[in-house]
Amino acid sequence: MSDQIFSYAPAPESASIARIRPSYGLFIDGEWTDGAAERTFKTVNPATEEVLAEVTEATEEDVDRAVRAARDAYERVWGPMPGRERAKYLFRIARLLQERSRELAVLETLDNGKPIRESRDVDLPLVAAHFFYHAGWADKLPYAGFGPDPRPLGVAAQVIPWNFPLLMLAWKIAPALACGNTVVLKPAETTPLTALTFAEICRQAELPPGVVNIVTGAARTGQALVRHPGVDKVAFTGSTEVGRQIARAVAGTRKRLTLELGGKAANVIFEDAPLDQAVEGAINGIFFNQGQVCCAGSRLLVQESIAGELLERLKARMATLRVGDPLDKNTDVGAINSAGQLEKIRTLAQAGEQEGAIRWSAPCELPERGYWFAPTVFTGVAASHRIAREEIFGPVLSVLTFRTPAEAVEKANNTPYGLSAGIWTEKGSRVLWMAQRLRAGVVWANTFNKFDPAAPFGGYKESGFGREGGRHGLEAYLDV
């Protein structure tokens, strides 16, 4: 097989495009400020383990300052501002994001470990699209179906994950601002740099001070933010475990809450599906962003009659994936985001072997430094195995088989999660039949991992509640 693979010369993007400061403070009330306790932490490049910058850890006192600044901006400026004026700021931010997209893509890849062609061609275009889309809604909220005069909630506390740092920021800040809310956002501690650069863009756009505030830190900072009594709305994307803690923290308060949590999506391939396209869909479903995607197609359900042929094609395609330097434009699979996440992936992969599943990894040479895991597929997987039930959040695919559509539905729904699913078949009637029965917030037909600002996204069961994106996503930021 190796003789059939095209050889590519390295084509690395220049890291110098990302202007990284040695250290970063907090962005509160439109100004950079030191933390009250002068505590810092380091953010590293997961592909090399090199330190990129020191970042301030916000304390409860810092969070309080940020929330007060957001409240003041909401009451004095942003809340009373007409929607058409708010839209101008959002359009300006969207254009600045486009102008600085190359710099932001490189920065995201350095801080996160994802391939540059994903941050450049997927993340950044979607980030700008979300601001353009919600800028269009800002002066049309009375026509969104939530009454003639929908009002904002006030101050939104937003906690975002490390797998799509800037994209998750856009998913949360754009609708919040369009609806008239102000924001205090905490990025993940392993990927804070693009959020901090976004703060610079807010200043470039001359956004009024206090409308967007960025506080950095780990769990204690996030807890201080979601528990703060001055917050009106909490939006969280991350693990189901942390989502439960947040739900308990805000229970009994007046705060509104939306949670977008974990997933264990089934990607279902029927015997009449175009196999080459289905294999590409399976590859994209699990290896996009190293499988560190809440809606990743981590369970591949294949109709028994084609399982042998499909697995042969799948392994052949996996053998062509290029694993390595995330800044190289030819790279398909980059670095795992952190040492802790890599250890979790290894633990669950070992559990798969110990429980009797058959492991196969694509032949590839992994870099000596950094956090890496080869694309891996498990066959002979039972529904009771941990790799079929728990969210691995890595480039590990579990393959199960089925005989009938009813069995496929039963196996697909046999999970505590309900975020996404995929169906591969030539029959439109079968797509509709399946989609009506799958307990998943998003169901893709003959494709996977497609996102659009106009399409709502969210889950069922332990994948959380509430929707982000589209007209439905506006409701989470309006007092309706």
Protein backbone atom coordinates (compact mmCIF):
# COMPACT_ATOMS: atom_id res chain seq x y z
CA MET A 1 0.00 0.00 0.00
CA SER A 2 2.79 2.44 0.88
CA ASP A 3 4.07 2.36 -2.71
CA GLN A 4 0.72 3.65 -3.93
CA ILE A 5 0.69 6.74 -1.71
CA PHE A 6 1.70 10.03 -3.25
CA SER A 7 4.75 11.62 -1.67
CA TYR A 8 4.40 15.21 -0.54
CA ALA A 9 7.19 17.59 0.36
CA PRO A 10 6.62 19.37 3.68
CA ALA A 11 4.54 22.52 3.25
CA PRO A 12 4.48 24.14 6.68
CA GLU A 13 2.61 27.35 7.35
CA SER A 14 4.76 30.02 9.00
CA ALA A 15 4.37 30.10 12.77
CA SER A 16 5.65 33.68 12.86
CA ILE A 17 2.30 34.92 11.50
CA ALA A 18 0.82 34.37 14.95
CA ARG A 19 1.88 37.29 17.10
CA ILE A 20 2.08 35.68 20.52
CA ARG A 21 2.93 37.81 23.53
CA PRO A 22 5.10 36.38 26.30
CA SER A 23 2.27 36.92 28.78
CA TYR A 24 -1.43 37.82 28.81
CA GLY A 25 -3.59 39.57 31.39
CA LEU A 26 -7.37 39.59 31.73
CA PHE A 27 -9.64 41.57 29.40
CA ILE A 28 -12.10 43.43 31.60
CA ASP A 29 -14.10 46.56 30.80
CA GLY A 30 -12.24 47.06 27.53
CA GLU A 31 -8.79 47.07 29.14
CA TRP A 32 -6.00 44.57 29.78
CA THR A 33 -5.58 44.12 33.50
CA ASP A 34 -3.51 42.03 35.92
CA GLY A 35 -5.13 39.40 38.10
CA ALA A 36 -5.78 40.12 41.76
CA ALA A 37 -3.59 37.25 42.95
CA GLU A 38 -0.92 37.52 40.24
CA ARG A 39 -1.28 33.78 39.56
CA THR A 40 -0.40 32.53 36.08
CA PHE A 41 -0.36 29.28 34.12
CA LYS A 42 1.38 28.22 30.94
CA THR A 43 -0.22 27.30 27.66
CA VAL A 44 1.82 24.89 25.51
CA ASN A 45 1.95 23.74 21.92
CA PRO A 46 0.70 20.12 22.13
CA ALA A 47 2.65 19.18 19.01
CA THR A 48 6.01 20.12 20.56
CA GLU A 49 5.32 20.65 24.30
CA GLU A 50 6.93 24.10 23.96
CA VAL A 51 5.53 26.88 26.15
CA LEU A 52 3.71 29.46 24.05
CA ALA A 53 2.80 32.05 26.71
CA GLU A 54 1.98 32.68 30.34
CA VAL A 55 -1.66 33.48 31.02
CA THR A 56 -3.28 35.06 34.07
CA GLU A 57 -5.45 32.89 36.29
CA ALA A 58 -8.54 34.87 37.27
CA THR A 59 -9.70 34.74 40.88
CA GLU A 60 -13.21 35.25 42.32
CA GLU A 61 -12.35 38.93 42.73
CA ASP A 62 -11.38 39.18 39.04
CA VAL A 63 -14.55 37.41 37.96
CA ASP A 64 -16.57 39.82 40.09
CA ARG A 65 -14.91 42.79 38.38
CA ALA A 66 -15.72 41.30 34.97
CA VAL A 67 -19.36 40.64 35.82
CA ARG A 68 -19.77 44.15 37.23
CA ALA A 69 -18.25 45.62 34.06
CA ALA A 70 -20.61 43.53 31.93
CA ARG A 71 -23.62 44.62 34.02
CA ASP A 72 -22.69 48.28 33.73
CA ALA A 73 -22.21 48.01 29.96
CA TYR A 74 -25.53 46.18 29.63
CA GLU A 75 -27.50 48.81 31.54
CA ARG A 76 -25.83 51.91 30.15
CA VAL A 77 -24.92 51.07 26.56
CA TRP A 78 -25.58 47.70 25.00
CA GLY A 79 -29.04 46.83 26.33
CA PRO A 80 -30.64 50.16 25.31
CA MET A 81 -28.81 50.27 21.96
CA PRO A 82 -31.08 49.74 18.90
CA GLY A 83 -30.55 46.45 17.10
CA ARG A 84 -29.45 48.16 13.91
CA GLU A 85 -26.55 49.77 15.83
CA ARG A 86 -25.54 46.50 17.49
CA ALA A 87 -25.53 44.90 14.05
CA LYS A 88 -22.89 47.37 12.84
CA TYR A 89 -20.49 46.21 15.56
CA LEU A 90 -21.10 42.53 14.75
CA PHE A 91 -20.55 43.12 11.04
CA ARG A 92 -17.33 44.98 11.89
CA ILE A 93 -16.10 42.10 14.07
CA ALA A 94 -16.93 39.61 11.29
CA ARG A 95 -14.90 41.56 8.76
CA LEU A 96 -11.95 41.89 11.15
CA LEU A 97 -12.06 38.13 11.75
CA GLN A 98 -11.83 37.60 8.00
CA GLU A 99 -8.95 40.07 7.67
CA ARG A 100 -7.01 38.34 10.45
CA SER A 101 -8.10 34.79 9.58
CA ARG A 102 -4.65 33.53 8.58
CA GLU A 103 -3.10 34.79 11.82
CA LEU A 104 -5.96 33.31 13.88
CA ALA A 105 -5.79 29.95 12.07
CA VAL A 106 -2.07 29.61 12.80
CA LEU A 107 -2.60 30.65 16.41
CA GLU A 108 -5.41 28.11 16.83
CA THR A 109 -3.27 25.32 15.39
CA LEU A 110 -0.30 26.21 17.61
CA ASP A 111 -2.40 26.32 20.77
CA ASN A 112 -4.75 23.43 20.01
CA GLY A 113 -2.79 20.96 17.84
CA LYS A 114 -5.39 20.67 15.07
CA PRO A 115 -4.23 20.58 11.41
CA ILE A 116 -3.87 24.00 9.81
CA ARG A 117 -6.13 23.03 6.92
CA GLU A 118 -8.95 22.47 9.42
CA SER A 119 -8.44 25.70 11.39
CA ARG A 120 -7.94 27.63 8.12
CA ASP A 121 -10.66 26.02 5.96
CA VAL A 122 -13.31 25.01 8.51
CA ASP A 123 -13.02 26.86 11.82
CA LEU A 124 -12.23 30.42 10.71
CA PRO A 125 -14.78 30.62 7.87
CA LEU A 126 -17.45 29.36 10.27
CA VAL A 127 -16.37 31.83 12.97
CA ALA A 128 -16.85 34.79 10.63
CA ALA A 129 -20.07 33.29 9.26
CA HIS A 130 -21.59 33.12 12.75
CA PHE A 131 -20.94 36.83 13.32
CA PHE A 132 -22.29 37.76 9.88
CA TYR A 133 -25.38 35.59 10.42
CA HIS A 134 -26.21 36.98 13.86
CA ALA A 135 -25.45 40.54 12.78
CA GLY A 136 -28.31 40.05 10.34
CA TRP A 137 -30.66 39.05 13.18
CA ALA A 138 -29.84 41.99 15.51
CA ASP A 139 -32.43 44.37 14.02
CA LYS A 140 -34.98 41.67 13.12
CA LEU A 141 -35.62 40.09 16.52
CA PRO A 142 -39.30 41.24 16.58
CA TYR A 143 -39.81 39.01 13.52
CA ALA A 144 -38.04 35.92 14.95
CA GLY A 145 -41.25 34.47 16.36
CA PHE A 146 -40.66 35.35 20.02
CA GLY A 147 -43.17 38.19 20.30
CA PRO A 148 -43.17 41.80 19.07
CA ASP A 149 -40.57 43.10 21.54
CA PRO A 150 -38.21 40.33 22.74
CA ARG A 151 -35.86 41.57 25.45
CA PRO A 152 -32.29 40.47 26.28
CA LEU A 153 -31.54 38.57 29.48
CA GLY A 154 -28.64 40.70 30.76
CA VAL A 155 -25.18 39.30 31.55
CA ALA A 156 -24.23 35.95 29.99
CA ALA A 157 -21.54 33.74 31.57
CA GLN A 158 -20.05 31.52 28.89
CA VAL A 159 -17.60 28.64 29.42
CA ILE A 160 -16.16 27.07 26.28
CA PRO A 161 -14.08 23.93 25.55
CA TRP A 162 -10.64 23.38 24.02
CA ASN A 163 -11.56 21.41 20.88
CA PHE A 164 -12.90 24.37 18.84
CA PRO A 165 -11.76 27.38 20.89
CA LEU A 166 -12.58 30.24 18.54
CA LEU A 167 -15.56 28.56 16.89
CA MET A 168 -17.23 27.87 20.26
CA LEU A 169 -16.54 31.49 21.21
CA ALA A 170 -18.38 32.60 18.07
CA TRP A 171 -21.27 30.19 18.72
CA LYS A 172 -21.81 31.86 22.09
CA ILE A 173 -20.76 35.51 21.81
CA ALA A 174 -22.39 36.28 18.43
CA PRO A 175 -26.01 35.41 19.40
CA ALA A 176 -25.58 36.91 22.88
CA LEU A 177 -24.48 40.29 21.50
CA ALA A 178 -27.05 40.25 18.69
CA CYS A 179 -29.81 39.83 21.26
CA GLY A 180 -28.53 42.71 23.41
CA ASN A 181 -26.71 40.80 26.18
CA THR A 182 -23.21 41.46 27.48
CA VAL A 183 -20.72 38.65 28.03
CA VAL A 184 -18.10 37.28 30.41
CA LEU A 185 -16.37 34.38 28.67
CA LYS A 186 -13.90 31.85 30.05
CA PRO A 187 -11.90 29.88 27.47
CA ALA A 188 -10.38 26.49 28.28
CA GLU A 189 -7.08 26.65 30.17
CA THR A 190 -5.22 24.71 27.44
CA THR A 191 -6.40 26.92 24.56
CA PRO A 192 -6.87 30.54 25.68
CA LEU A 193 -4.87 32.36 22.98
CA THR A 194 -7.46 32.88 20.22
CA ALA A 195 -10.02 34.13 22.76
CA LEU A 196 -7.46 36.65 24.02
CA THR A 197 -6.73 37.73 20.45
CA PHE A 198 -10.48 38.10 19.95
CA ALA A 199 -10.37 40.64 22.78
CA GLU A 200 -7.95 42.68 20.64
CA ILE A 201 -10.44 42.45 17.77
CA CYS A 202 -13.18 43.81 20.03
CA ARG A 203 -10.98 46.84 20.67
CA GLN A 204 -10.25 47.17 16.95
CA ALA A 205 -13.99 47.15 16.31
CA GLU A 206 -14.40 49.85 18.99
CA LEU A 207 -16.91 47.71 20.83
CA PRO A 208 -18.04 49.64 23.93
CA PRO A 209 -16.00 48.69 27.04
CA GLY A 210 -17.52 45.93 29.16
CA VAL A 211 -19.67 44.38 26.41
CA VAL A 212 -17.19 41.48 26.04
CA ASN A 213 -14.94 40.43 28.93
CA ILE A 214 -12.47 37.51 28.79
CA VAL A 215 -11.33 35.85 32.03
CA THR A 216 -8.81 33.00 31.84
CA GLY A 217 -8.22 30.17 34.26
CA ALA A 218 -9.15 26.60 35.06
CA ALA A 219 -12.01 24.99 37.01
CA ARG A 220 -11.98 27.44 39.93
CA THR A 221 -12.39 30.40 37.59
CA GLY A 222 -15.25 28.69 35.78
CA GLN A 223 -16.97 27.85 39.07
CA ALA A 224 -16.68 31.44 40.26
CA LEU A 225 -18.22 32.63 37.00
CA VAL A 226 -21.24 30.33 36.83
CA ARG A 227 -21.98 30.79 40.55
CA HIS A 228 -21.76 34.61 40.46
CA PRO A 229 -25.11 36.15 41.53
CA GLY A 230 -24.79 38.93 38.94
CA VAL A 231 -25.07 36.48 36.03
CA ASP A 232 -28.43 36.06 34.26
CA LYS A 233 -27.58 33.29 31.84
CA VAL A 234 -25.04 30.42 31.78
CA ALA A 235 -23.98 28.71 28.55
CA PHE A 236 -21.58 25.79 28.71
CA THR A 237 -20.03 23.44 26.17
CA GLY A 238 -17.91 20.61 27.52
CA SER A 239 -18.06 17.30 29.32
CA THR A 240 -21.24 15.80 30.73
CA GLU A 241 -19.61 15.52 34.16
CA VAL A 242 -18.90 19.26 34.36
CA GLY A 243 -22.32 19.99 32.87
CA ARG A 244 -23.93 18.14 35.79
CA GLN A 245 -21.91 20.22 38.27
CA ILE A 246 -23.03 23.44 36.59
CA ALA A 247 -26.66 22.32 36.53
CA ARG A 248 -26.48 21.66 40.27
CA ALA A 249 -24.79 25.05 40.86
CA VAL A 250 -27.50 27.07 39.11
CA ALA A 251 -30.47 24.96 40.29
CA GLY A 252 -32.91 27.07 42.30
CA THR A 253 -31.58 30.36 40.93
CA ARG A 254 -33.16 32.63 38.33
CA LYS A 255 -30.33 31.94 35.88
CA ARG A 256 -31.15 30.53 32.46
CA LEU A 257 -29.00 27.58 31.39
CA THR A 258 -28.04 25.81 28.17
CA LEU A 259 -25.69 22.82 28.08
CA GLU A 260 -24.00 21.23 25.06
CA LEU A 261 -22.26 18.15 26.39
CA GLY A 262 -20.75 14.84 25.28
CA GLY A 263 -21.77 12.40 22.59
CA LYS A 264 -21.28 8.88 21.24
CA ALA A 265 -22.67 9.24 17.75
CA ALA A 266 -23.65 6.31 15.55
CA ASN A 267 -22.65 6.53 11.90
CA VAL A 268 -24.92 3.94 10.22
CA ILE A 269 -23.96 2.46 6.84
CA PHE A 270 -26.50 0.34 4.92
CA GLU A 271 -25.63 -2.21 2.24
CA ASP A 272 -26.99 0.02 -0.55
CA ALA A 273 -24.77 3.00 0.38
CA PRO A 274 -22.07 4.17 -2.04
CA LEU A 275 -19.14 2.60 -0.19
CA ASP A 276 -16.36 4.96 -1.26
CA GLN A 277 -18.37 7.98 -0.11
CA ALA A 278 -19.41 6.18 3.07
CA VAL A 279 -15.77 5.38 3.89
CA GLU A 280 -14.86 9.04 3.43
CA GLY A 281 -17.78 9.94 5.68
CA ALA A 282 -16.58 7.52 8.35
CA ILE A 283 -13.03 8.90 8.12
CA ASN A 284 -14.28 12.48 8.41
CA GLY A 285 -16.69 11.49 11.17
CA ILE A 286 -14.02 10.16 13.53
CA PHE A 287 -10.65 11.59 12.50
CA PHE A 288 -11.68 15.23 11.92
CA ASN A 289 -9.94 17.24 14.67
CA GLN A 290 -8.36 13.95 15.93
CA GLY A 291 -11.82 12.76 16.98
CA GLN A 292 -11.90 15.46 19.65
CA VAL A 293 -15.42 16.44 18.60
CA CYS A 294 -18.52 16.05 20.75
CA CYS A 295 -20.54 14.93 17.72
CA ALA A 296 -17.81 12.62 16.31
CA GLY A 297 -19.05 9.46 14.60
CA SER A 298 -17.19 7.26 17.07
CA ARG A 299 -19.47 4.23 16.61
CA LEU A 300 -19.62 2.87 13.06
CA LEU A 301 -22.67 0.65 12.55
CA VAL A 302 -22.27 -1.41 9.37
CA GLN A 303 -24.85 -3.73 7.81
CA GLU A 304 -23.49 -7.24 8.19
CA SER A 305 -23.60 -8.12 4.48
CA ILE A 306 -21.00 -5.45 3.57
CA ALA A 307 -18.95 -5.36 6.75
CA GLY A 308 -15.94 -7.25 5.35
CA GLU A 309 -15.61 -5.16 2.21
CA LEU A 310 -16.20 -1.88 3.99
CA LEU A 311 -13.61 -2.62 6.68
CA GLU A 312 -11.04 -3.48 4.03
CA ARG A 313 -11.64 -0.14 2.28
CA LEU A 314 -11.68 1.71 5.60
CA LYS A 315 -8.28 0.36 6.67
CA ALA A 316 -6.81 1.10 3.24
CA ARG A 317 -8.00 4.70 3.52
CA MET A 318 -6.74 5.02 7.11
CA ALA A 319 -3.30 3.92 5.95
CA THR A 320 -3.12 7.00 3.70
CA LEU A 321 -3.81 9.51 6.50
CA ARG A 322 -0.87 11.75 7.23
CA VAL A 323 -0.20 12.20 10.93
CA GLY A 324 2.26 14.84 12.07
CA ASP A 325 3.13 18.54 12.14
CA PRO A 326 -0.23 20.36 12.46
CA LEU A 327 1.20 23.41 10.66
CA ASP A 328 1.96 21.31 7.55
CA LYS A 329 -0.78 21.90 4.98
CA ASN A 330 -0.67 18.19 4.01
CA THR A 331 -1.39 16.90 7.51
CA ASP A 332 -4.67 15.06 8.07
CA VAL A 333 -4.36 14.20 11.77
CA GLY A 334 -2.65 16.53 14.22
CA ALA A 335 -1.73 16.37 17.91
CA ILE A 336 -3.92 15.46 20.87
CA ASN A 337 -4.64 18.63 22.85
CA SER A 338 -3.05 17.71 26.17
CA ALA A 339 -1.18 15.02 28.07
CA GLY A 340 -4.26 14.40 30.19
CA GLN A 341 -6.48 13.81 27.17
CA LEU A 342 -3.88 11.51 25.62
CA GLU A 343 -3.81 9.42 28.78
CA LYS A 344 -7.61 9.11 28.72
CA ILE A 345 -7.53 7.89 25.11
CA ARG A 346 -4.83 5.34 25.91
CA THR A 347 -6.75 4.07 28.93
CA LEU A 348 -9.96 3.50 26.96
CA ALA A 349 -8.08 1.89 24.05
CA GLN A 350 -6.45 -0.54 26.48
CA ALA A 351 -9.88 -1.27 27.96
CA GLY A 352 -11.10 -2.14 24.47
CA GLU A 353 -8.38 -4.73 24.07
CA GLN A 354 -8.89 -6.13 27.56
CA GLU A 355 -12.62 -6.55 26.91
CA GLY A 356 -11.95 -8.58 23.77
CA ALA A 357 -12.24 -6.16 20.85
CA ILE A 358 -9.67 -6.37 18.03
CA ARG A 359 -7.44 -3.32 17.63
CA TRP A 360 -5.88 -2.10 14.39
CA SER A 361 -3.91 1.13 14.04
CA ALA A 362 -2.82 2.79 10.83
CA PRO A 363 0.90 2.30 10.19
CA CYS A 364 2.47 5.69 10.82
CA GLU A 365 5.50 7.15 12.50
CA LEU A 366 4.56 9.42 15.38
CA PRO A 367 6.74 12.41 16.34
CA GLU A 368 8.97 11.86 19.38
CA ARG A 369 7.80 15.00 21.19
CA GLY A 370 4.24 16.13 21.77
CA TYR A 371 0.97 14.28 22.36
CA TRP A 372 0.10 11.81 19.59
CA PHE A 373 -2.19 8.86 19.00
CA ALA A 374 -2.36 6.89 15.74
CA PRO A 375 -5.76 6.57 13.99
CA THR A 376 -7.24 3.36 15.39
CA VAL A 377 -10.21 1.12 14.65
CA PHE A 378 -11.68 -1.60 16.86
CA THR A 379 -13.68 -4.51 15.41
CA GLY A 380 -15.48 -7.27 17.25
CA VAL A 381 -16.96 -4.62 19.52
CA ALA A 382 -19.96 -5.46 21.72
CA ALA A 383 -22.48 -2.87 22.83
CA SER A 384 -21.43 -3.48 26.43
CA HIS A 385 -17.76 -2.58 25.83
CA ARG A 386 -16.51 0.69 27.31
CA ILE A 387 -15.28 1.81 23.87
CA ALA A 388 -18.86 1.48 22.61
CA ARG A 389 -20.42 3.35 25.52
CA GLU A 390 -17.98 5.98 26.80
CA GLU A 391 -16.91 9.12 24.99
CA ILE A 392 -13.24 8.56 24.07
CA PHE A 393 -12.75 11.99 22.46
CA GLY A 394 -9.88 10.80 20.32
CA PRO A 395 -9.09 9.15 16.94
CA VAL A 396 -10.57 5.78 17.92
CA LEU A 397 -13.41 4.16 15.96
CA SER A 398 -15.54 1.30 17.29
CA VAL A 399 -17.22 -0.87 14.62
CA LEU A 400 -20.42 -2.81 15.29
CA THR A 401 -22.66 -4.64 12.82
CA PHE A 402 -26.41 -4.98 12.34
CA ARG A 403 -28.77 -6.99 10.12
CA THR A 404 -31.99 -4.96 9.92
CA PRO A 405 -32.91 -1.25 10.10
CA ALA A 406 -34.75 -1.88 13.36
CA GLU A 407 -31.61 -3.41 14.88
CA ALA A 408 -29.59 -0.41 13.64
CA VAL A 409 -31.98 1.99 15.38
CA GLU A 410 -31.87 -0.03 18.59
CA LYS A 411 -28.06 -0.10 18.66
CA ALA A 412 -27.71 3.56 17.66
CA ASN A 413 -30.01 4.66 20.50
CA ASN A 414 -28.34 2.33 23.02
CA THR A 415 -26.24 5.08 24.61
CA PRO A 416 -26.73 7.64 27.39
CA TYR A 417 -25.95 10.36 24.83
CA GLY A 418 -28.03 11.83 22.00
CA LEU A 419 -26.11 14.52 20.18
CA SER A 420 -25.67 13.41 16.56
CA ALA A 421 -25.97 10.53 14.09
CA GLY A 422 -25.30 9.74 10.45
CA ILE A 423 -27.14 7.61 7.88
CA TRP A 424 -25.66 6.28 4.65
CA THR A 425 -28.12 4.81 2.12
CA GLU A 426 -29.43 5.46 -1.38
CA LYS A 427 -33.05 5.31 -0.20
CA GLY A 428 -34.56 8.62 0.84
CA SER A 429 -37.46 6.82 2.50
CA ARG A 430 -35.02 4.92 4.71
CA VAL A 431 -33.26 8.16 5.70
CA LEU A 432 -36.60 9.64 6.82
CA TRP A 433 -37.62 6.42 8.61
CA MET A 434 -34.33 6.30 10.50
CA ALA A 435 -34.20 10.03 11.29
CA GLN A 436 -37.64 9.85 12.92
CA ARG A 437 -36.43 7.10 15.26
CA LEU A 438 -32.90 8.18 16.15
CA ARG A 439 -32.69 10.01 19.48
CA ALA A 440 -30.12 12.55 18.34
CA GLY A 441 -30.25 16.32 18.07
CA VAL A 442 -28.56 16.32 14.66
CA VAL A 443 -28.93 13.62 11.98
CA TRP A 444 -26.81 13.84 8.84
CA ALA A 445 -27.78 11.92 5.68
CA ASN A 446 -24.97 10.76 3.36
CA THR A 447 -22.57 13.24 4.96
CA PHE A 448 -21.13 13.98 8.40
CA ASN A 449 -19.81 16.90 10.45
CA LYS A 450 -21.49 19.62 8.39
CA PHE A 451 -22.23 22.86 10.24
CA ASP A 452 -24.02 26.06 9.33
CA PRO A 453 -24.84 29.14 11.42
CA ALA A 454 -28.46 28.94 10.29
CA ALA A 455 -28.89 25.35 11.52
CA PRO A 456 -29.63 24.74 15.23
CA PHE A 457 -27.31 22.35 17.07
CA GLY A 458 -27.89 20.56 20.38
CA GLY A 459 -28.68 17.24 22.00
CA TYR A 460 -30.96 14.92 23.93
CA LYS A 461 -30.41 12.94 27.12
CA GLU A 462 -26.92 13.33 28.62
CA SER A 463 -25.81 15.41 25.64
CA GLY A 464 -27.50 18.42 27.22
CA PHE A 465 -30.37 20.74 26.33
CA GLY A 466 -30.97 23.96 24.45
CA ARG A 467 -29.94 24.82 20.90
CA GLU A 468 -27.17 26.96 19.45
CA GLY A 469 -27.36 28.49 15.99
CA GLY A 470 -30.27 29.39 13.78
CA ARG A 471 -33.46 31.08 14.91
CA HIS A 472 -33.82 28.48 17.68
CA GLY A 473 -30.48 29.52 19.18
CA LEU A 474 -31.66 33.12 19.67
CA GLU A 475 -34.26 32.00 22.20
CA ALA A 476 -31.54 31.05 24.70
CA TYR A 477 -30.49 34.72 24.91
CA LEU A 478 -33.93 36.33 25.02
CA ASP A 479 -36.38 36.80 27.91
CA VAL A 480 -39.21 34.87 26.28
